[in-house]
Amino acid sequence: MRSDIILDRLMSLHPKVIDLVLDRVWRLLDALDNPQDKLPPVIHIAGTNGKGSTQAMIRAGLESAGNTVHAYTSPHLARFHERIRLAGELISEEMLQEILEECERANNGENITYFEITTVAGLLAFSRTPADYTLLEVGLGGTLDATNVVAKPALTVITPISIDHTQFLGDTIEQIAAEKAGIIKRGVPCVVGPQTDAALEVIEARAARLGAPLLVYGQHWHVGEEHGRLIYQDETGLRDLPLPALIGKHQVQNAGIALAALRHLEMPDVALEAAVTKAEWPARMQRLKKGPLIDAAPQGEIWLDGGHNPAAGLALAEAMDRLPKRPTYLICGMLNTKDITGYLTPLARHSETLFAVSIPGETATLTSAETASFAKDAGMTAIESESVQDALETIVARDPQARVLICGSLYLAGTILRENS
């Protein structure tokens, strides 16, 4: 696609993939007549874990109540168009080409990162398409993220914060929380998901300085699972709802965050139920139902998950606890920027054998040998494999009815979704 050619050019506009300052973004926005000031009401979402799932649930709820919704997310899995959803539909190839080229011309060859210029392109598209709401997911951190340019959102949301991206955000929960809390704006309400005491203290301090009302899990709203149902409660009363379509205890928490946001926006009950039952989010404990991988293992189960930090490993292990018992094999590829042992250790009890692979096309991938070594350190039986396909063939030969979990990276998940389509 022509947009791929344009995106390749944009990748070369800055020597670094990540460079957290906002000067370049403000310059380009100003050259484009500040589209960030012309958006439908914005809900801005930051956090370490659950941003995408929470956004998907909020979107499902808003749309079921009859609203049209823009949504911005990153990274994409199979193709770039996934990042920009205009009034409910993925951006068209024609419009994507137009806005990318317009941003490229306005940038005039100046330094700017790929994420910065493509985020500006998303904002430009949103500003030109009518909708009722705009959902913006932070890419990295919050304070200096390219999405953090809306002066007065309708609502901000902070999902659970944990240790990740320490080379950019700091190596303590307090430092990382300070970056995430950078999306809080003066006087704008903020929904806060479950947090450690240290993270919550940082969030509360910033909110107090800015006079931003907080809606905090455990204080202003509660969510839990009882007898196979999701129970949500706030000052307006109790809601008894189905469990989320997205699997896992962490998705119950994410649903609670989404419900708190929808309640604040005064959405009807139909929106609350839709948030938990209709949300879809690829590569978050997603069961693959068709494609070449399924054809290669017709009697088995194949699941896909893109989580990649220790908190995600814990959440994934808990989600697997909910499935019927079945011999389970992991096919895992990870980047060398992650806490590999921290991610893998909770999964050890679920793994008959881990098949380690490298991630195609990613310079920061661990080799299969490195991933296998980390897996052994985490208490797993692990072997190297040339590819996901080779690993799957070996697993099916051992146990045609096995459960297979492909995991460890959103980049690996994206490769699987492209190749299995």
Protein backbone atom coordinates (compact mmCIF):
# COMPACT_ATOMS: atom_id res chain seq x y z
CA MET A 1 0.00 0.00 0.00
CA ARG A 2 1.13 3.53 -0.72
CA SER A 3 0.68 4.48 2.93
CA ASP A 4 3.41 1.96 3.81
CA ILE A 5 5.83 3.80 1.53
CA ILE A 6 4.97 7.11 3.19
CA LEU A 7 5.32 5.57 6.68
CA ASP A 8 8.76 4.23 5.74
CA ARG A 9 9.81 7.77 4.79
CA LEU A 10 8.49 9.16 8.06
CA MET A 11 10.53 6.60 9.98
CA SER A 12 13.70 8.32 8.77
CA LEU A 13 12.86 11.80 10.08
CA HIS A 14 14.52 11.25 13.46
CA PRO A 15 17.56 9.14 14.44
CA LYS A 16 15.75 7.80 17.53
CA VAL A 17 12.58 5.74 17.71
CA ILE A 18 11.70 7.32 21.08
CA ASP A 19 12.72 10.83 22.16
CA LEU A 20 10.37 12.16 24.82
CA VAL A 21 9.91 15.87 24.30
CA LEU A 22 6.85 17.73 22.98
CA ASP A 23 8.56 20.62 21.15
CA ARG A 24 8.44 18.91 17.74
CA VAL A 25 4.78 17.97 18.21
CA TRP A 26 3.76 21.52 19.14
CA ARG A 27 5.64 22.88 16.13
CA LEU A 28 3.87 20.55 13.70
CA LEU A 29 0.45 21.04 15.29
CA ASP A 30 0.87 24.80 14.97
CA ALA A 31 1.80 24.41 11.28
CA LEU A 32 -1.46 22.46 10.80
CA ASP A 33 -3.62 25.08 12.57
CA ASN A 34 -3.80 23.16 15.85
CA PRO A 35 -6.18 20.26 15.14
CA GLN A 36 -5.91 19.14 18.78
CA ASP A 37 -8.15 22.10 19.69
CA LYS A 38 -10.90 20.96 17.30
CA LEU A 39 -11.58 17.42 18.52
CA PRO A 40 -14.84 15.98 19.82
CA PRO A 41 -14.75 15.60 23.63
CA VAL A 42 -11.59 13.68 24.54
CA ILE A 43 -11.15 10.78 26.97
CA HIS A 44 -7.39 10.42 27.53
CA ILE A 45 -6.11 7.07 28.82
CA ALA A 46 -2.71 6.34 30.37
CA GLY A 47 -1.28 3.50 32.47
CA THR A 48 1.07 0.54 32.20
CA ASN A 49 -1.40 -2.29 31.76
CA GLY A 50 -4.93 -2.46 30.40
CA LYS A 51 -5.03 0.78 28.40
CA GLY A 52 -6.13 -0.90 25.18
CA SER A 53 -8.69 -3.22 26.78
CA THR A 54 -10.14 -0.36 28.83
CA GLN A 55 -10.39 1.82 25.75
CA ALA A 56 -12.13 -1.00 23.85
CA MET A 57 -14.69 -1.38 26.64
CA ILE A 58 -15.36 2.36 26.85
CA ARG A 59 -15.79 2.46 23.08
CA ALA A 60 -18.19 -0.49 23.09
CA GLY A 61 -20.25 1.19 25.79
CA LEU A 62 -20.36 4.59 24.11
CA GLU A 63 -21.27 3.12 20.73
CA SER A 64 -24.02 0.94 22.17
CA ALA A 65 -25.56 4.11 23.61
CA GLY A 66 -25.72 5.56 20.11
CA ASN A 67 -22.54 7.64 20.08
CA THR A 68 -20.00 7.85 17.29
CA VAL A 69 -16.45 7.46 18.57
CA HIS A 70 -12.94 8.19 17.31
CA ALA A 71 -10.21 6.00 18.82
CA TYR A 72 -6.41 6.23 18.71
CA THR A 73 -4.20 3.38 19.90
CA SER A 74 -0.67 2.06 19.43
CA PRO A 75 1.19 0.05 18.44
CA HIS A 76 -0.75 -1.57 15.62
CA LEU A 77 -0.70 -5.32 15.23
CA ALA A 78 -1.30 -6.26 11.60
CA ARG A 79 -1.42 -2.88 9.81
CA PHE A 80 -1.06 0.78 10.67
CA HIS A 81 -4.71 1.62 9.95
CA GLU A 82 -5.65 -0.04 13.27
CA ARG A 83 -4.23 2.97 15.12
CA ILE A 84 -6.80 5.44 13.79
CA ARG A 85 -10.50 4.63 14.04
CA LEU A 86 -12.75 7.37 12.65
CA ALA A 87 -16.35 7.42 13.91
CA GLY A 88 -16.23 3.67 14.42
CA GLU A 89 -14.39 2.62 11.26
CA LEU A 90 -10.69 2.09 10.61
CA ILE A 91 -9.25 4.95 8.58
CA SER A 92 -9.40 4.35 4.84
CA GLU A 93 -6.23 3.91 2.83
CA GLU A 94 -7.08 7.01 0.78
CA MET A 95 -7.56 9.26 3.80
CA LEU A 96 -4.49 7.84 5.56
CA GLN A 97 -2.35 8.67 2.53
CA GLU A 98 -3.75 12.21 2.39
CA ILE A 99 -3.18 13.09 6.04
CA LEU A 100 0.27 11.49 6.18
CA GLU A 101 1.39 13.46 3.15
CA GLU A 102 -0.13 16.66 4.54
CA CYS A 103 1.75 16.16 7.81
CA GLU A 104 4.94 15.38 5.91
CA ARG A 105 4.66 18.60 3.89
CA ALA A 106 3.88 20.67 6.98
CA ASN A 107 6.84 19.15 8.83
CA ASN A 108 9.11 20.27 5.96
CA GLY A 109 11.90 17.79 6.66
CA GLU A 110 12.39 18.77 10.31
CA ASN A 111 13.33 16.21 12.94
CA ILE A 112 10.31 14.39 14.35
CA THR A 113 9.81 10.82 15.54
CA TYR A 114 7.58 8.33 13.75
CA PHE A 115 5.17 8.17 16.69
CA GLU A 116 4.98 11.95 16.94
CA ILE A 117 4.15 12.63 13.30
CA THR A 118 1.71 9.74 13.02
CA THR A 119 -0.03 10.83 16.22
CA VAL A 120 -0.42 14.31 14.75
CA ALA A 121 -1.86 12.66 11.63
CA GLY A 122 -4.42 10.90 13.79
CA LEU A 123 -5.40 14.14 15.51
CA LEU A 124 -5.73 15.83 12.13
CA ALA A 125 -8.05 13.10 10.87
CA PHE A 126 -10.15 13.26 14.05
CA SER A 127 -10.51 17.04 13.75
CA ARG A 128 -12.00 16.70 10.27
CA THR A 129 -14.51 13.92 10.94
CA PRO A 130 -17.62 14.51 13.07
CA ALA A 131 -18.02 12.29 16.16
CA ASP A 132 -19.37 12.44 19.69
CA TYR A 133 -16.19 11.38 21.53
CA THR A 134 -12.46 10.91 20.94
CA LEU A 135 -10.56 8.19 22.82
CA LEU A 136 -6.80 8.81 22.98
CA GLU A 137 -4.51 6.09 24.31
CA VAL A 138 -1.10 7.25 25.51
CA GLY A 139 1.81 5.67 23.69
CA LEU A 140 4.49 5.87 26.40
CA GLY A 141 4.37 7.56 29.79
CA GLY A 142 2.06 10.55 29.75
CA THR A 143 3.70 13.89 30.50
CA LEU A 144 5.76 14.02 27.30
CA ASP A 145 3.70 11.64 25.17
CA ALA A 146 2.60 13.01 21.80
CA THR A 147 -1.06 12.50 22.74
CA ASN A 148 -0.71 14.86 25.73
CA VAL A 149 -1.61 18.00 23.80
CA VAL A 150 -5.32 18.41 24.57
CA ALA A 151 -5.77 21.33 26.96
CA LYS A 152 -9.13 20.32 28.40
CA PRO A 153 -10.21 16.69 27.93
CA ALA A 154 -13.67 15.65 29.05
CA LEU A 155 -12.11 12.94 31.23
CA THR A 156 -8.75 11.34 31.95
CA VAL A 157 -8.22 7.70 32.91
CA ILE A 158 -5.23 6.01 34.55
CA THR A 159 -5.13 2.20 34.44
CA PRO A 160 -2.88 0.13 36.76
CA ILE A 161 0.74 1.28 36.85
CA SER A 162 3.68 -1.11 37.13
CA ILE A 163 7.36 -1.24 36.26
CA ASP A 164 7.98 -1.05 32.50
CA HIS A 165 9.95 1.11 30.05
CA THR A 166 12.36 2.01 32.84
CA GLN A 167 14.93 3.40 30.38
CA PHE A 168 12.47 6.19 29.52
CA LEU A 169 10.20 6.61 32.55
CA GLY A 170 12.39 5.87 35.57
CA ASP A 171 13.06 2.76 37.60
CA THR A 172 10.67 3.29 40.52
CA ILE A 173 6.89 3.14 40.71
CA GLU A 174 6.87 6.74 41.96
CA GLN A 175 8.81 8.01 38.94
CA ILE A 176 6.68 6.06 36.48
CA ALA A 177 3.45 7.16 38.19
CA ALA A 178 4.56 10.78 37.93
CA GLU A 179 4.93 10.38 34.17
CA LYS A 180 1.54 8.66 33.80
CA ALA A 181 -0.15 11.27 35.99
CA GLY A 182 1.08 13.93 33.59
CA ILE A 183 -2.18 13.54 31.64
CA ILE A 184 -4.19 14.95 34.59
CA LYS A 185 -5.43 18.43 33.70
CA ARG A 186 -6.63 21.30 35.85
CA GLY A 187 -10.24 20.75 36.90
CA VAL A 188 -10.72 17.68 34.70
CA PRO A 189 -12.04 14.53 36.46
CA CYS A 190 -9.76 11.47 36.40
CA VAL A 191 -10.83 7.83 36.80
CA VAL A 192 -8.08 5.89 38.59
CA GLY A 193 -7.86 2.11 38.41
CA PRO A 194 -6.29 -0.19 41.03
CA GLN A 195 -2.85 1.12 42.08
CA THR A 196 -0.12 0.46 44.58
CA ASP A 197 -0.10 2.87 47.51
CA ALA A 198 3.05 4.51 46.15
CA ALA A 199 1.55 5.14 42.70
CA LEU A 200 -1.75 6.38 44.12
CA GLU A 201 0.02 8.86 46.39
CA VAL A 202 1.74 10.42 43.36
CA ILE A 203 -1.52 10.58 41.39
CA GLU A 204 -3.42 12.12 44.30
CA ALA A 205 -0.74 14.75 44.85
CA ARG A 206 -0.84 15.92 41.23
CA ALA A 207 -4.65 15.93 41.18
CA ALA A 208 -4.71 18.03 44.36
CA ARG A 209 -2.32 20.59 42.86
CA LEU A 210 -4.52 20.91 39.77
CA GLY A 211 -7.91 20.73 41.45
CA ALA A 212 -8.79 17.63 39.41
CA PRO A 213 -11.55 15.49 40.97
CA LEU A 214 -10.56 11.83 41.29
CA LEU A 215 -12.74 8.73 40.94
CA VAL A 216 -10.52 6.15 42.60
CA TYR A 217 -10.94 2.37 42.74
CA GLY A 218 -11.59 1.27 46.32
CA GLN A 219 -12.75 4.75 47.37
CA HIS A 220 -15.34 6.03 44.93
CA TRP A 221 -16.13 2.82 43.08
CA HIS A 222 -15.63 -0.91 43.55
CA VAL A 223 -15.63 -3.88 41.19
CA GLY A 224 -15.33 -7.60 41.75
CA GLU A 225 -16.43 -11.03 40.68
CA GLU A 226 -19.16 -12.87 42.60
CA HIS A 227 -20.77 -16.17 41.59
CA GLY A 228 -19.69 -15.81 37.98
CA ARG A 229 -20.96 -12.23 37.65
CA LEU A 230 -19.30 -8.82 37.62
CA ILE A 231 -20.46 -6.62 40.49
CA TYR A 232 -19.83 -2.88 40.13
CA GLN A 233 -20.78 -0.36 42.79
CA ASP A 234 -20.48 3.40 43.14
CA GLU A 235 -22.42 6.16 44.87
CA THR A 236 -25.33 5.68 42.44
CA GLY A 237 -25.82 2.05 43.43
CA LEU A 238 -24.89 -1.48 42.39
CA ARG A 239 -24.77 -3.01 38.91
CA ASP A 240 -24.89 -6.80 38.42
CA LEU A 241 -23.41 -7.58 35.00
CA PRO A 242 -22.00 -10.52 33.01
CA LEU A 243 -18.29 -11.20 33.25
CA PRO A 244 -16.26 -9.47 30.53
CA ALA A 245 -15.99 -11.16 27.16
CA LEU A 246 -12.25 -10.52 27.54
CA ILE A 247 -10.89 -13.26 29.82
CA GLY A 248 -9.16 -12.82 33.18
CA LYS A 249 -9.34 -11.18 36.58
CA HIS A 250 -7.44 -8.20 35.18
CA GLN A 251 -10.24 -7.71 32.67
CA VAL A 252 -12.71 -7.46 35.56
CA GLN A 253 -10.58 -4.59 36.87
CA ASN A 254 -10.34 -3.04 33.41
CA ALA A 255 -14.12 -3.34 33.07
CA GLY A 256 -14.51 -1.52 36.38
CA ILE A 257 -12.40 1.37 35.09
CA ALA A 258 -14.47 1.53 31.90
CA LEU A 259 -17.72 1.41 33.87
CA ALA A 260 -16.55 4.22 36.15
CA ALA A 261 -15.80 6.32 33.08
CA LEU A 262 -19.15 5.55 31.48
CA ARG A 263 -21.01 6.26 34.73
CA HIS A 264 -19.26 9.63 34.99
CA LEU A 265 -20.35 10.38 31.42
CA GLU A 266 -23.91 9.49 32.47
CA MET A 267 -24.27 6.67 29.97
CA PRO A 268 -27.36 4.44 30.29
CA ASP A 269 -27.35 0.86 31.58
CA VAL A 270 -27.29 -0.50 28.03
CA ALA A 271 -23.83 1.05 27.68
CA LEU A 272 -22.58 -0.62 30.85
CA GLU A 273 -23.59 -4.10 29.71
CA ALA A 274 -22.21 -3.55 26.22
CA ALA A 275 -18.88 -2.45 27.67
CA VAL A 276 -18.33 -5.85 29.22
CA THR A 277 -20.03 -8.08 26.63
CA LYS A 278 -19.21 -6.47 23.28
CA ALA A 279 -15.64 -5.24 23.62
CA GLU A 280 -13.09 -6.90 21.36
CA TRP A 281 -9.33 -6.41 21.64
CA PRO A 282 -6.96 -8.52 19.51
CA ALA A 283 -4.01 -10.34 21.08
CA ARG A 284 -5.31 -10.06 24.62
CA MET A 285 -5.93 -13.70 25.47
CA GLN A 286 -7.50 -14.08 22.04
CA ARG A 287 -8.48 -17.52 20.84
CA LEU A 288 -7.71 -17.96 17.15
CA LYS A 289 -10.59 -19.58 15.31
CA LYS A 290 -9.45 -19.81 11.68
CA GLY A 291 -6.44 -19.49 9.42
CA PRO A 292 -3.36 -21.57 8.54
CA LEU A 293 -2.33 -22.08 12.17
CA ILE A 294 -5.74 -23.54 13.00
CA ASP A 295 -5.57 -25.73 9.89
CA ALA A 296 -2.24 -27.06 11.20
CA ALA A 297 -3.75 -27.95 14.62
CA PRO A 298 -7.44 -28.74 13.94
CA GLN A 299 -7.92 -30.65 17.20
CA GLY A 300 -6.08 -28.20 19.41
CA GLU A 301 -6.63 -24.76 20.88
CA ILE A 302 -4.48 -21.81 19.85
CA TRP A 303 -4.45 -18.63 21.94
CA LEU A 304 -2.61 -15.38 21.32
CA ASP A 305 -1.50 -12.77 23.85
CA GLY A 306 0.74 -9.74 23.45
CA GLY A 307 1.49 -8.95 27.12
CA HIS A 308 5.19 -8.57 27.83
CA ASN A 309 5.95 -7.34 31.38
CA PRO A 310 5.75 -9.02 34.82
CA ALA A 311 2.27 -7.67 35.55
CA ALA A 312 1.08 -9.00 32.20
CA GLY A 313 2.63 -12.39 32.99
CA LEU A 314 0.69 -12.56 36.26
CA ALA A 315 -2.54 -11.53 34.54
CA LEU A 316 -2.04 -14.07 31.77
CA ALA A 317 -1.37 -16.87 34.27
CA GLU A 318 -4.56 -16.00 36.14
CA ALA A 319 -6.54 -15.95 32.89
CA MET A 320 -5.23 -19.41 32.06
CA ASP A 321 -6.32 -20.63 35.49
CA ARG A 322 -9.88 -19.97 34.33
CA LEU A 323 -9.65 -22.33 31.35
CA PRO A 324 -10.45 -26.06 31.58
CA LYS A 325 -7.35 -28.12 32.35
CA ARG A 326 -5.51 -29.20 29.23
CA PRO A 327 -1.83 -29.82 28.40
CA THR A 328 -0.49 -26.38 27.45
CA TYR A 329 2.56 -25.47 25.41
CA LEU A 330 3.97 -21.97 25.07
CA ILE A 331 5.49 -20.48 21.93
CA CYS A 332 7.30 -17.38 23.11
CA GLY A 333 9.29 -14.56 21.54
CA MET A 334 10.33 -11.41 23.41
CA LEU A 335 12.26 -8.18 23.01
CA ASN A 336 15.55 -7.61 24.81
CA THR A 337 14.16 -4.48 26.52
CA LYS A 338 11.82 -6.44 28.78
CA ASP A 339 12.03 -8.16 32.19
CA ILE A 340 11.99 -11.64 30.68
CA THR A 341 12.25 -13.70 33.85
CA GLY A 342 9.65 -11.54 35.60
CA TYR A 343 7.22 -12.13 32.74
CA LEU A 344 7.84 -15.88 32.41
CA THR A 345 7.96 -16.97 36.06
CA PRO A 346 4.16 -16.81 36.68
CA LEU A 347 3.57 -18.84 33.51
CA ALA A 348 5.84 -21.71 34.48
CA ARG A 349 3.07 -23.70 36.17
CA HIS A 350 1.05 -23.70 32.95
CA SER A 351 3.79 -24.79 30.57
CA GLU A 352 4.50 -28.37 29.55
CA THR A 353 7.27 -27.02 27.33
CA LEU A 354 8.15 -23.54 26.08
CA PHE A 355 9.24 -23.26 22.46
CA ALA A 356 11.44 -20.18 22.10
CA VAL A 357 11.43 -18.22 18.85
CA SER A 358 12.87 -14.95 17.64
CA ILE A 359 10.49 -12.26 16.38
CA PRO A 360 10.78 -11.84 12.60
CA GLY A 361 11.92 -8.41 11.44
CA GLU A 362 12.59 -6.98 14.93
CA THR A 363 16.15 -5.85 15.61
CA ALA A 364 15.53 -5.83 19.38
CA THR A 365 14.33 -9.44 19.49
CA LEU A 366 15.94 -11.95 21.78
CA THR A 367 17.32 -14.94 19.95
CA SER A 368 15.51 -18.20 20.47
CA ALA A 369 18.51 -19.40 22.49
CA GLU A 370 18.33 -16.38 24.80
CA THR A 371 14.60 -16.76 25.39
CA ALA A 372 15.04 -20.48 26.06
CA SER A 373 17.73 -19.70 28.61
CA PHE A 374 15.50 -17.19 30.43
CA ALA A 375 12.66 -19.72 30.42
CA LYS A 376 14.87 -22.35 32.04
CA ASP A 377 15.84 -19.80 34.69
CA ALA A 378 12.11 -19.34 35.34
CA GLY A 379 11.72 -23.08 35.96
CA MET A 380 10.41 -24.13 32.56
CA THR A 381 11.36 -26.89 30.18
CA ALA A 382 12.38 -24.95 27.09
CA ILE A 383 13.73 -25.66 23.64
CA GLU A 384 14.65 -23.48 20.67
CA SER A 385 12.58 -23.41 17.52
CA GLU A 386 13.17 -21.88 14.10
CA SER A 387 9.69 -20.38 13.84
CA VAL A 388 6.18 -20.43 15.25
CA GLN A 389 5.16 -22.80 12.47
CA ASP A 390 7.99 -25.24 13.26
CA ALA A 391 7.13 -25.11 16.96
CA LEU A 392 3.46 -25.78 16.25
CA GLU A 393 4.32 -28.77 14.06
CA THR A 394 6.41 -30.26 16.87
CA ILE A 395 3.65 -29.68 19.43
CA VAL A 396 0.95 -31.23 17.23
CA ALA A 397 3.15 -34.26 16.61
CA ARG A 398 3.46 -34.73 20.38
CA ASP A 399 -0.16 -33.95 21.29
CA PRO A 400 -2.73 -33.16 18.57
CA GLN A 401 -5.21 -31.89 21.20
CA ALA A 402 -2.83 -29.61 23.02
CA ARG A 403 -3.53 -26.03 24.03
CA VAL A 404 -0.96 -23.66 22.51
CA LEU A 405 -0.34 -20.14 23.79
CA ILE A 406 1.68 -17.82 21.54
CA CYS A 407 2.94 -15.02 23.75
CA GLY A 408 5.63 -12.58 24.84
CA SER A 409 5.32 -9.56 22.56
CA LEU A 410 2.81 -7.43 20.68
CA TYR A 411 5.24 -7.52 17.76
CA LEU A 412 5.10 -11.31 17.67
CA ALA A 413 1.31 -11.13 17.99
CA GLY A 414 1.17 -8.75 15.04
CA THR A 415 3.23 -11.14 12.93
CA ILE A 416 0.85 -13.97 13.81
CA LEU A 417 -2.26 -11.96 12.96
CA ARG A 418 -0.81 -10.93 9.59
CA GLU A 419 0.37 -14.40 8.65
CA ASN A 420 -2.71 -16.20 9.94
CA SER A 421 -5.25 -13.96 8.18
